[in-house]
PDB file of N, CA and C in Angstrom:
ATOM      1  N   MET A   1     -13.086  23.327 -31.155  1.00  0.00           N
ATOM      2  CA  MET A   1     -13.344  22.576 -29.950  1.00  0.00           C
ATOM      3  C   MET A   1     -13.008  21.101 -30.136  1.00  0.00           C
ATOM      4  N   ILE A   2     -13.295  20.568 -31.301  1.00  0.00           N
ATOM      5  CA  ILE A   2     -13.009  19.158 -31.581  1.00  0.00           C
ATOM      6  C   ILE A   2     -11.505  18.909 -31.563  1.00  0.00           C
ATOM      7  N   ILE A   3     -10.722  19.842 -32.086  1.00  0.00           N
ATOM      8  CA  ILE A   3      -9.265  19.665 -32.136  1.00  0.00           C
ATOM      9  C   ILE A   3      -8.689  19.613 -30.726  1.00  0.00           C
ATOM     10  N   ILE A   4      -9.197  20.466 -29.829  1.00  0.00           N
ATOM     11  CA  ILE A   4      -8.724  20.460 -28.445  1.00  0.00           C
ATOM     12  C   ILE A   4      -9.089  19.150 -27.769  1.00  0.00           C
ATOM     13  N   ASP A   5     -10.282  18.644 -28.027  1.00  0.00           N
ATOM     14  CA  ASP A   5     -10.679  17.351 -27.454  1.00  0.00           C
ATOM     15  C   ASP A   5      -9.795  16.220 -27.980  1.00  0.00           C
ATOM     16  N   ILE A   6      -9.492  16.253 -29.266  1.00  0.00           N
ATOM     17  CA  ILE A   6      -8.637  15.212 -29.849  1.00  0.00           C
ATOM     18  C   ILE A   6      -7.235  15.277 -29.255  1.00  0.00           C
ATOM     19  N   LEU A   7      -6.665  16.484 -29.154  1.00  0.00           N
ATOM     20  CA  LEU A   7      -5.346  16.639 -28.544  1.00  0.00           C
ATOM     21  C   LEU A   7      -5.352  16.184 -27.084  1.00  0.00           C
ATOM     22  N   SER A   8      -6.417  16.520 -26.402  1.00  0.00           N
ATOM     23  CA  SER A   8      -6.538  16.119 -25.000  1.00  0.00           C
ATOM     24  C   SER A   8      -6.551  14.609 -24.859  1.00  0.00           C
ATOM     25  N   TRP A   9      -7.351  13.945 -25.655  1.00  0.00           N
ATOM     26  CA  TRP A   9      -7.443  12.486 -25.559  1.00  0.00           C
ATOM     27  C   TRP A   9      -6.154  11.811 -26.005  1.00  0.00           C
ATOM     28  N   ILE A  10      -5.471  12.378 -26.985  1.00  0.00           N
ATOM     29  CA  ILE A  10      -4.180  11.819 -27.401  1.00  0.00           C
ATOM     30  C   ILE A  10      -3.184  11.891 -26.242  1.00  0.00           C
ATOM     31  N   CYS A  11      -3.128  13.048 -25.582  1.00  0.00           N
ATOM     32  CA  CYS A  11      -2.219  13.194 -24.442  1.00  0.00           C
ATOM     33  C   CYS A  11      -2.601  12.256 -23.300  1.00  0.00           C
ATOM     34  N   LEU A  12      -3.887  12.158 -23.000  1.00  0.00           N
ATOM     35  CA  LEU A  12      -4.331  11.286 -21.916  1.00  0.00           C
ATOM     36  C   LEU A  12      -4.039   9.816 -22.213  1.00  0.00           C
ATOM     37  N   ILE A  13      -4.276   9.396 -23.432  1.00  0.00           N
ATOM     38  CA  ILE A  13      -4.037   7.996 -23.791  1.00  0.00           C
ATOM     39  C   ILE A  13      -2.542   7.685 -23.818  1.00  0.00           C
ATOM     40  N   LEU A  14      -1.739   8.575 -24.425  1.00  0.00           N
ATOM     41  CA  LEU A  14      -0.290   8.349 -24.446  1.00  0.00           C
ATOM     42  C   LEU A  14       0.299   8.354 -23.037  1.00  0.00           C
ATOM     43  N   GLY A  15      -0.171   9.273 -22.192  1.00  0.00           N
ATOM     44  CA  GLY A  15       0.290   9.316 -20.813  1.00  0.00           C
ATOM     45  C   GLY A  15      -0.068   8.051 -20.057  1.00  0.00           C
ATOM     46  N   SER A  16      -1.262   7.551 -20.281  1.00  0.00           N
ATOM     47  CA  SER A  16      -1.683   6.305 -19.622  1.00  0.00           C
ATOM     48  C   SER A  16      -0.857   5.120 -20.098  1.00  0.00           C
ATOM     49  N   ILE A  17      -0.585   5.068 -21.394  1.00  0.00           N
ATOM     50  CA  ILE A  17       0.234   3.978 -21.937  1.00  0.00           C
ATOM     51  C   ILE A  17       1.641   4.038 -21.358  1.00  0.00           C
ATOM     52  N   LEU A  18       2.214   5.236 -21.270  1.00  0.00           N
ATOM     53  CA  LEU A  18       3.555   5.362 -20.700  1.00  0.00           C
ATOM     54  C   LEU A  18       3.575   5.009 -19.215  1.00  0.00           C
ATOM     55  N   CYS A  19       2.512   5.314 -18.493  1.00  0.00           N
ATOM     56  CA  CYS A  19       2.438   4.914 -17.082  1.00  0.00           C
ATOM     57  C   CYS A  19       2.385   3.398 -16.952  1.00  0.00           C
ATOM     58  N   ILE A  20       1.654   2.748 -17.831  1.00  0.00           N
ATOM     59  CA  ILE A  20       1.590   1.281 -17.805  1.00  0.00           C
ATOM     60  C   ILE A  20       2.944   0.684 -18.165  1.00  0.00           C
ATOM     61  N   ILE A  21       3.602   1.225 -19.187  1.00  0.00           N
ATOM     62  CA  ILE A  21       4.928   0.737 -19.577  1.00  0.00           C
ATOM     63  C   ILE A  21       5.930   0.947 -18.452  1.00  0.00           C
ATOM     64  N   GLY A  22       5.884   2.098 -17.804  1.00  0.00           N
ATOM     65  CA  GLY A  22       6.769   2.358 -16.680  1.00  0.00           C
ATOM     66  C   GLY A  22       6.509   1.415 -15.517  1.00  0.00           C
ATOM     67  N   GLY A  23       5.252   1.118 -15.254  1.00  0.00           N
ATOM     68  CA  GLY A  23       4.911   0.162 -14.203  1.00  0.00           C
ATOM     69  C   GLY A  23       5.412  -1.238 -14.524  1.00  0.00           C
ATOM     70  N   LEU A  24       5.283  -1.632 -15.779  1.00  0.00           N
ATOM     71  CA  LEU A  24       5.828  -2.934 -16.180  1.00  0.00           C
ATOM     72  C   LEU A  24       7.346  -2.946 -16.074  1.00  0.00           C
ATOM     73  N   GLY A  25       7.969  -1.807 -16.378  1.00  0.00           N
ATOM     74  CA  GLY A  25       9.417  -1.702 -16.234  1.00  0.00           C
ATOM     75  C   GLY A  25       9.851  -1.867 -14.794  1.00  0.00           C
ATOM     76  N   LEU A  26       9.070  -1.317 -13.865  1.00  0.00           N
ATOM     77  CA  LEU A  26       9.389  -1.483 -12.448  1.00  0.00           C
ATOM     78  C   LEU A  26       9.326  -2.951 -12.030  1.00  0.00           C
ATOM     79  N   LEU A  27       8.458  -3.699 -12.650  1.00  0.00           N
ATOM     80  CA  LEU A  27       8.316  -5.117 -12.302  1.00  0.00           C
ATOM     81  C   LEU A  27       9.321  -6.011 -13.030  1.00  0.00           C
ATOM     82  N   ARG A  28       9.647  -5.693 -14.269  1.00  0.00           N
ATOM     83  CA  ARG A  28      10.394  -6.627 -15.108  1.00  0.00           C
ATOM     84  C   ARG A  28      11.881  -6.338 -15.258  1.00  0.00           C
ATOM     85  N   LEU A  29      12.319  -5.105 -15.038  1.00  0.00           N
ATOM     86  CA  LEU A  29      13.725  -4.791 -15.244  1.00  0.00           C
ATOM     87  C   LEU A  29      14.590  -5.456 -14.171  1.00  0.00           C
ATOM     88  N   PRO A  30      15.846  -5.793 -14.502  1.00  0.00           N
ATOM     89  CA  PRO A  30      16.627  -6.691 -13.646  1.00  0.00           C
ATOM     90  C   PRO A  30      17.193  -6.098 -12.359  1.00  0.00           C
ATOM     91  N   ASP A  31      17.575  -4.833 -12.358  1.00  0.00           N
ATOM     92  CA  ASP A  31      18.216  -4.309 -11.147  1.00  0.00           C
ATOM     93  C   ASP A  31      17.645  -2.944 -10.783  1.00  0.00           C
ATOM     94  N   PHE A  32      18.122  -2.437  -9.657  1.00  0.00           N
ATOM     95  CA  PHE A  32      17.628  -1.189  -9.099  1.00  0.00           C
ATOM     96  C   PHE A  32      17.812  -0.018 -10.059  1.00  0.00           C
ATOM     97  N   TYR A  33      18.960   0.068 -10.677  1.00  0.00           N
ATOM     98  CA  TYR A  33      19.260   1.203 -11.551  1.00  0.00           C
ATOM     99  C   TYR A  33      18.397   1.190 -12.807  1.00  0.00           C
ATOM    100  N   SER A  34      18.120   0.031 -13.332  1.00  0.00           N
ATOM    101  CA  SER A  34      17.220  -0.072 -14.483  1.00  0.00           C
ATOM    102  C   SER A  34      15.799   0.297 -14.081  1.00  0.00           C
ATOM    103  N   ARG A  35      15.420  -0.101 -12.880  1.00  0.00           N
ATOM    104  CA  ARG A  35      14.073   0.211 -12.404  1.00  0.00           C
ATOM    105  C   ARG A  35      13.893   1.703 -12.162  1.00  0.00           C
ATOM    106  N   LEU A  36      14.973   2.399 -11.856  1.00  0.00           N
ATOM    107  CA  LEU A  36      14.882   3.849 -11.726  1.00  0.00           C
ATOM    108  C   LEU A  36      14.430   4.479 -13.044  1.00  0.00           C
ATOM    109  N   HIS A  37      14.874   3.891 -14.144  1.00  0.00           N
ATOM    110  CA  HIS A  37      14.466   4.390 -15.460  1.00  0.00           C
ATOM    111  C   HIS A  37      12.961   4.212 -15.660  1.00  0.00           C
ATOM    112  N   GLY A  38      12.443   3.054 -15.275  1.00  0.00           N
ATOM    113  CA  GLY A  38      11.002   2.817 -15.383  1.00  0.00           C
ATOM    114  C   GLY A  38      10.196   3.789 -14.538  1.00  0.00           C
ATOM    115  N   GLY A  39      10.681   4.062 -13.344  1.00  0.00           N
ATOM    116  CA  GLY A  39      10.001   5.035 -12.492  1.00  0.00           C
ATOM    117  C   GLY A  39      10.081   6.448 -13.034  1.00  0.00           C
ATOM    118  N   GLY A  40      11.200   6.775 -13.651  1.00  0.00           N
ATOM    119  CA  GLY A  40      11.355   8.110 -14.240  1.00  0.00           C
ATOM    120  C   GLY A  40      10.427   8.337 -15.412  1.00  0.00           C
ATOM    121  N   ILE A  41      10.221   7.305 -16.210  1.00  0.00           N
ATOM    122  CA  ILE A  41       9.280   7.414 -17.338  1.00  0.00           C
ATOM    123  C   ILE A  41       7.866   7.663 -16.816  1.00  0.00           C
ATOM    124  N   THR A  42       7.500   6.923 -15.778  1.00  0.00           N
ATOM    125  CA  THR A  42       6.160   7.065 -15.223  1.00  0.00           C
ATOM    126  C   THR A  42       5.956   8.464 -14.657  1.00  0.00           C
ATOM    127  N   ASP A  43       6.935   8.954 -13.914  1.00  0.00           N
ATOM    128  CA  ASP A  43       6.793  10.271 -13.288  1.00  0.00           C
ATOM    129  C   ASP A  43       6.828  11.401 -14.302  1.00  0.00           C
ATOM    130  N   SER A  44       7.820  11.385 -15.164  1.00  0.00           N
ATOM    131  CA  SER A  44       8.008  12.535 -16.052  1.00  0.00           C
ATOM    132  C   SER A  44       7.060  12.513 -17.248  1.00  0.00           C
ATOM    133  N   LEU A  45       7.200  11.529 -18.081  1.00  0.00           N
ATOM    134  CA  LEU A  45       6.419  11.521 -19.325  1.00  0.00           C
ATOM    135  C   LEU A  45       4.958  11.137 -19.109  1.00  0.00           C
ATOM    136  N   GLY A  46       4.728  10.057 -18.376  1.00  0.00           N
ATOM    137  CA  GLY A  46       3.354   9.589 -18.194  1.00  0.00           C
ATOM    138  C   GLY A  46       2.484  10.607 -17.479  1.00  0.00           C
ATOM    139  N   ALA A  47       2.916  11.014 -16.291  1.00  0.00           N
ATOM    140  CA  ALA A  47       2.133  11.987 -15.523  1.00  0.00           C
ATOM    141  C   ALA A  47       2.116  13.347 -16.217  1.00  0.00           C
ATOM    142  N   GLY A  48       3.217  13.711 -16.878  1.00  0.00           N
ATOM    143  CA  GLY A  48       3.260  14.983 -17.589  1.00  0.00           C
ATOM    144  C   GLY A  48       2.239  15.045 -18.716  1.00  0.00           C
ATOM    145  N   LEU A  49       2.166  13.985 -19.508  1.00  0.00           N
ATOM    146  CA  LEU A  49       1.182  13.970 -20.599  1.00  0.00           C
ATOM    147  C   LEU A  49      -0.250  13.935 -20.071  1.00  0.00           C
ATOM    148  N   ILE A  50      -0.462  13.238 -18.977  1.00  0.00           N
ATOM    149  CA  ILE A  50      -1.810  13.225 -18.391  1.00  0.00           C
ATOM    150  C   ILE A  50      -2.187  14.625 -17.916  1.00  0.00           C
ATOM    151  N   LEU A  51      -1.253  15.317 -17.269  1.00  0.00           N
ATOM    152  CA  LEU A  51      -1.542  16.686 -16.825  1.00  0.00           C
ATOM    153  C   LEU A  51      -1.779  17.624 -18.002  1.00  0.00           C
ATOM    154  N   ILE A  52      -1.024  17.461 -19.076  1.00  0.00           N
ATOM    155  CA  ILE A  52      -1.233  18.301 -20.267  1.00  0.00           C
ATOM    156  C   ILE A  52      -2.604  18.021 -20.878  1.00  0.00           C
ATOM    157  N   GLY A  53      -2.983  16.752 -20.933  1.00  0.00           N
ATOM    158  CA  GLY A  53      -4.319  16.408 -21.426  1.00  0.00           C
ATOM    159  C   GLY A  53      -5.412  17.007 -20.565  1.00  0.00           C
ATOM    160  N   LEU A  54      -5.218  17.005 -19.258  1.00  0.00           N
ATOM    161  CA  LEU A  54      -6.206  17.621 -18.372  1.00  0.00           C
ATOM    162  C   LEU A  54      -6.246  19.136 -18.547  1.00  0.00           C
ATOM    163  N   MET A  55      -5.090  19.733 -18.851  1.00  0.00           N
ATOM    164  CA  MET A  55      -5.064  21.175 -19.115  1.00  0.00           C
ATOM    165  C   MET A  55      -5.870  21.512 -20.370  1.00  0.00           C
ATOM    166  N   PHE A  56      -5.742  20.677 -21.397  1.00  0.00           N
ATOM    167  CA  PHE A  56      -6.553  20.898 -22.601  1.00  0.00           C
ATOM    168  C   PHE A  56      -8.038  20.794 -22.268  1.00  0.00           C
ATOM    169  N   GLN A  57      -8.402  19.855 -21.426  1.00  0.00           N
ATOM    170  CA  GLN A  57      -9.807  19.663 -21.069  1.00  0.00           C
ATOM    171  C   GLN A  57     -10.370  20.830 -20.265  1.00  0.00           C
ATOM    172  N   SER A  58      -9.538  21.421 -19.391  1.00  0.00           N
ATOM    173  CA  SER A  58     -10.061  22.452 -18.500  1.00  0.00           C
ATOM    174  C   SER A  58     -10.170  23.830 -19.149  1.00  0.00           C
ATOM    175  N   GLY A  59      -9.502  24.043 -20.272  1.00  0.00           N
ATOM    176  CA  GLY A  59      -9.580  25.343 -20.933  1.00  0.00           C
ATOM    177  C   GLY A  59      -8.750  26.385 -20.201  1.00  0.00           C
ATOM    178  N   LEU A  60      -9.030  27.661 -20.429  1.00  0.00           N
ATOM    179  CA  LEU A  60      -8.286  28.739 -19.789  1.00  0.00           C
ATOM    180  C   LEU A  60      -8.967  29.128 -18.477  1.00  0.00           C
ATOM    181  N   THR A  61      -8.686  28.348 -17.434  1.00  0.00           N
ATOM    182  CA  THR A  61      -9.264  28.601 -16.117  1.00  0.00           C
ATOM    183  C   THR A  61      -8.165  28.532 -15.069  1.00  0.00           C
ATOM    184  N   MET A  62      -8.554  28.748 -13.837  1.00  0.00           N
ATOM    185  CA  MET A  62      -7.614  28.643 -12.727  1.00  0.00           C
ATOM    186  C   MET A  62      -7.149  27.199 -12.550  1.00  0.00           C
ATOM    187  N   VAL A  63      -7.955  26.263 -12.962  1.00  0.00           N
ATOM    188  CA  VAL A  63      -7.568  24.850 -12.888  1.00  0.00           C
ATOM    189  C   VAL A  63      -6.338  24.592 -13.754  1.00  0.00           C
ATOM    190  N   THR A  64      -6.283  25.201 -14.921  1.00  0.00           N
ATOM    191  CA  THR A  64      -5.137  25.051 -15.813  1.00  0.00           C
ATOM    192  C   THR A  64      -3.875  25.605 -15.172  1.00  0.00           C
ATOM    193  N   VAL A  65      -3.998  26.720 -14.483  1.00  0.00           N
ATOM    194  CA  VAL A  65      -2.843  27.304 -13.793  1.00  0.00           C
ATOM    195  C   VAL A  65      -2.345  26.361 -12.709  1.00  0.00           C
ATOM    196  N   LYS A  66      -3.262  25.782 -11.957  1.00  0.00           N
ATOM    197  CA  LYS A  66      -2.887  24.846 -10.898  1.00  0.00           C
ATOM    198  C   LYS A  66      -2.242  23.591 -11.475  1.00  0.00           C
ATOM    199  N   LEU A  67      -2.782  23.085 -12.577  1.00  0.00           N
ATOM    200  CA  LEU A  67      -2.196  21.906 -13.225  1.00  0.00           C
ATOM    201  C   LEU A  67      -0.809  22.221 -13.775  1.00  0.00           C
ATOM    202  N   ALA A  68      -0.627  23.425 -14.302  1.00  0.00           N
ATOM    203  CA  ALA A  68       0.693  23.825 -14.805  1.00  0.00           C
ATOM    204  C   ALA A  68       1.701  23.926 -13.666  1.00  0.00           C
ATOM    205  N   MET A  69       1.270  24.409 -12.517  1.00  0.00           N
ATOM    206  CA  MET A  69       2.168  24.480 -11.362  1.00  0.00           C
ATOM    207  C   MET A  69       2.555  23.079 -10.880  1.00  0.00           C
ATOM    208  N   ILE A  70       1.607  22.162 -10.884  1.00  0.00           N
ATOM    209  CA  ILE A  70       1.915  20.780 -10.526  1.00  0.00           C
ATOM    210  C   ILE A  70       2.905  20.188 -11.520  1.00  0.00           C
ATOM    211  N   LEU A  71       2.713  20.481 -12.808  1.00  0.00           N
ATOM    212  CA  LEU A  71       3.605  19.980 -13.847  1.00  0.00           C
ATOM    213  C   LEU A  71       5.026  20.511 -13.672  1.00  0.00           C
ATOM    214  N   ILE A  72       5.162  21.777 -13.350  1.00  0.00           N
ATOM    215  CA  ILE A  72       6.489  22.366 -13.137  1.00  0.00           C
ATOM    216  C   ILE A  72       7.177  21.715 -11.944  1.00  0.00           C
ATOM    217  N   VAL A  73       6.442  21.554 -10.845  1.00  0.00           N
ATOM    218  CA  VAL A  73       7.016  20.903  -9.654  1.00  0.00           C
ATOM    219  C   VAL A  73       7.404  19.464  -9.976  1.00  0.00           C
ATOM    220  N   LEU A  74       6.570  18.777 -10.738  1.00  0.00           N
ATOM    221  CA  LEU A  74       6.848  17.391 -11.105  1.00  0.00           C
ATOM    222  C   LEU A  74       8.107  17.286 -11.953  1.00  0.00           C
ATOM    223  N   PHE A  75       8.286  18.198 -12.910  1.00  0.00           N
ATOM    224  CA  PHE A  75       9.468  18.152 -13.774  1.00  0.00           C
ATOM    225  C   PHE A  75      10.743  18.528 -13.042  1.00  0.00           C
ATOM    226  N   ILE A  76      10.624  19.235 -11.926  1.00  0.00           N
ATOM    227  CA  ILE A  76      11.813  19.555 -11.133  1.00  0.00           C
ATOM    228  C   ILE A  76      12.131  18.432 -10.156  1.00  0.00           C
ATOM    229  N   THR A  77      11.119  17.922  -9.465  1.00  0.00           N
ATOM    230  CA  THR A  77      11.362  16.955  -8.387  1.00  0.00           C
ATOM    231  C   THR A  77      11.620  15.533  -8.878  1.00  0.00           C
ATOM    232  N   SER A  78      11.017  15.138  -9.981  1.00  0.00           N
ATOM    233  CA  SER A  78      11.180  13.755 -10.438  1.00  0.00           C
ATOM    234  C   SER A  78      12.617  13.424 -10.827  1.00  0.00           C
ATOM    235  N   PRO A  79      13.270  14.190 -11.705  1.00  0.00           N
ATOM    236  CA  PRO A  79      14.663  13.863 -12.025  1.00  0.00           C
ATOM    237  C   PRO A  79      15.598  14.028 -10.826  1.00  0.00           C
ATOM    238  N   THR A  80      15.297  15.014  -9.982  1.00  0.00           N
ATOM    239  CA  THR A  80      16.136  15.238  -8.806  1.00  0.00           C
ATOM    240  C   THR A  80      16.068  14.057  -7.841  1.00  0.00           C
ATOM    241  N   SER A  81      14.865  13.568  -7.592  1.00  0.00           N
ATOM    242  CA  SER A  81      14.730  12.436  -6.675  1.00  0.00           C
ATOM    243  C   SER A  81      15.297  11.158  -7.276  1.00  0.00           C
ATOM    244  N   THR A  82      15.152  10.961  -8.572  1.00  0.00           N
ATOM    245  CA  THR A  82      15.727   9.786  -9.219  1.00  0.00           C
ATOM    246  C   THR A  82      17.249   9.818  -9.133  1.00  0.00           C
ATOM    247  N   HIS A  83      17.832  10.983  -9.368  1.00  0.00           N
ATOM    248  CA  HIS A  83      19.284  11.122  -9.269  1.00  0.00           C
ATOM    249  C   HIS A  83      19.752  10.878  -7.834  1.00  0.00           C
ATOM    250  N   ALA A  84      19.034  11.427  -6.857  1.00  0.00           N
ATOM    251  CA  ALA A  84      19.415  11.251  -5.455  1.00  0.00           C
ATOM    252  C   ALA A  84      19.319   9.786  -5.042  1.00  0.00           C
ATOM    253  N   LEU A  85      18.291   9.081  -5.487  1.00  0.00           N
ATOM    254  CA  LEU A  85      18.160   7.649  -5.175  1.00  0.00           C
ATOM    255  C   LEU A  85      19.300   6.840  -5.789  1.00  0.00           C
ATOM    256  N   GLY A  86      19.619   7.132  -7.042  1.00  0.00           N
ATOM    257  CA  GLY A  86      20.707   6.417  -7.707  1.00  0.00           C
ATOM    258  C   GLY A  86      22.052   6.670  -7.055  1.00  0.00           C
ATOM    259  N   LYS A  87      22.301   7.917  -6.701  1.00  0.00           N
ATOM    260  CA  LYS A  87      23.567   8.256  -6.061  1.00  0.00           C
ATOM    261  C   LYS A  87      23.672   7.637  -4.669  1.00  0.00           C
ATOM    262  N   ALA A  88      22.580   7.655  -3.911  1.00  0.00           N
ATOM    263  CA  ALA A  88      22.584   7.045  -2.581  1.00  0.00           C
ATOM    264  C   ALA A  88      22.809   5.545  -2.670  1.00  0.00           C
ATOM    265  N   ALA A  89      22.212   4.903  -3.661  1.00  0.00           N
ATOM    266  CA  ALA A  89      22.409   3.464  -3.834  1.00  0.00           C
ATOM    267  C   ALA A  89      23.856   3.154  -4.204  1.00  0.00           C
ATOM    268  N   LEU A  90      24.444   3.966  -5.061  1.00  0.00           N
ATOM    269  CA  LEU A  90      25.829   3.756  -5.469  1.00  0.00           C
ATOM    270  C   LEU A  90      26.790   3.979  -4.297  1.00  0.00           C
ATOM    271  N   ILE A  91      26.546   5.012  -3.514  1.00  0.00           N
ATOM    272  CA  ILE A  91      27.394   5.296  -2.356  1.00  0.00           C
ATOM    273  C   ILE A  91      27.277   4.200  -1.303  1.00  0.00           C
ATOM    274  N   SER A  92      26.081   3.642  -1.146  1.00  0.00           N
ATOM    275  CA  SER A  92      25.899   2.590  -0.141  1.00  0.00           C
ATOM    276  C   SER A  92      26.452   1.248  -0.593  1.00  0.00           C
ATOM    277  N   GLY A  93      26.921   1.153  -1.823  1.00  0.00           N
ATOM    278  CA  GLY A  93      27.596  -0.055  -2.277  1.00  0.00           C
ATOM    279  C   GLY A  93      26.791  -0.947  -3.206  1.00  0.00           C
ATOM    280  N   LEU A  94      25.629  -0.524  -3.624  1.00  0.00           N
ATOM    281  CA  LEU A  94      24.832  -1.336  -4.543  1.00  0.00           C
ATOM    282  C   LEU A  94      25.410  -1.219  -5.945  1.00  0.00           C
ATOM    283  N   LYS A  95      25.867  -2.330  -6.484  1.00  0.00           N
ATOM    284  CA  LYS A  95      26.498  -2.338  -7.811  1.00  0.00           C
ATOM    285  C   LYS A  95      25.467  -2.650  -8.888  1.00  0.00           C
ATOM    286  N   PRO A  96      25.600  -2.011 -10.048  1.00  0.00           N
ATOM    287  CA  PRO A  96      24.697  -2.347 -11.158  1.00  0.00           C
ATOM    288  C   PRO A  96      24.979  -3.744 -11.699  1.00  0.00           C
ATOM    289  N   VAL A  97      23.953  -4.367 -12.229  1.00  0.00           N
ATOM    290  CA  VAL A  97      24.107  -5.676 -12.856  1.00  0.00           C
ATOM    291  C   VAL A  97      24.663  -5.451 -14.255  1.00  0.00           C
ATOM    292  N   VAL A  98      25.853  -6.012 -14.500  1.00  0.00           N
ATOM    293  CA  VAL A  98      26.504  -5.858 -15.799  1.00  0.00           C
ATOM    294  C   VAL A  98      26.818  -7.264 -16.322  1.00  0.00           C
ATOM    295  N   THR A  99      26.371  -7.546 -17.525  1.00  0.00           N
ATOM    296  CA  THR A  99      26.661  -8.841 -18.141  1.00  0.00           C
ATOM    297  C   THR A  99      27.382  -8.602 -19.452  1.00  0.00           C
ATOM    298  N   ASP A 100      28.142  -9.604 -19.850  1.00  0.00           N
ATOM    299  CA  ASP A 100      28.865  -9.532 -21.121  1.00  0.00           C
ATOM    300  C   ASP A 100      28.092 -10.191 -22.254  1.00  0.00           C
ATOM    301  N   GLU A 101      26.891 -10.671 -21.950  1.00  0.00           N
ATOM    302  CA  GLU A 101      26.074 -11.332 -22.970  1.00  0.00           C
ATOM    303  C   GLU A 101      25.486 -10.284 -23.918  1.00  0.00           C
ATOM    304  N   HIS A 102      25.516 -10.607 -25.190  1.00  0.00           N
ATOM    305  CA  HIS A 102      24.934  -9.718 -26.195  1.00  0.00           C
ATOM    306  C   HIS A 102      23.636 -10.329 -26.664  1.00  0.00           C
ATOM    307  N   ILE A 103      22.623  -9.497 -26.725  1.00  0.00           N
ATOM    308  CA  ILE A 103      21.320  -9.966 -27.202  1.00  0.00           C
ATOM    309  C   ILE A 103      21.262  -9.773 -28.699  1.00  0.00           C
ATOM    310  N   ASP A 104      21.045 -10.852 -29.413  1.00  0.00           N
ATOM    311  CA  ASP A 104      20.980 -10.786 -30.881  1.00  0.00           C
ATOM    312  C   ASP A 104      19.568 -10.859 -31.346  1.00  0.00           C
TER     313      ASP A 104
END
């Protein structure tokens, strides 16, 4: 029981940290396409790890099945919507920010 609790808390904490990092990425990254990456991290990894942590907490119940279904839908819709947003932005003429400066 202790091992499941530890795994659960590790997933919940890592998921929360990734959600915070993704949120900061949405605020700090320079252009739309870079910000899509921050949003993708938040949706896929952050929310996914939080759902996995909640699955560990709930045990083998119907709640776990429902959380797994949410996780499957999330893993299908998040990359699809990110790709559709990026493609729509590119088609509408939004150009990525490209610089020749190298960060040392």
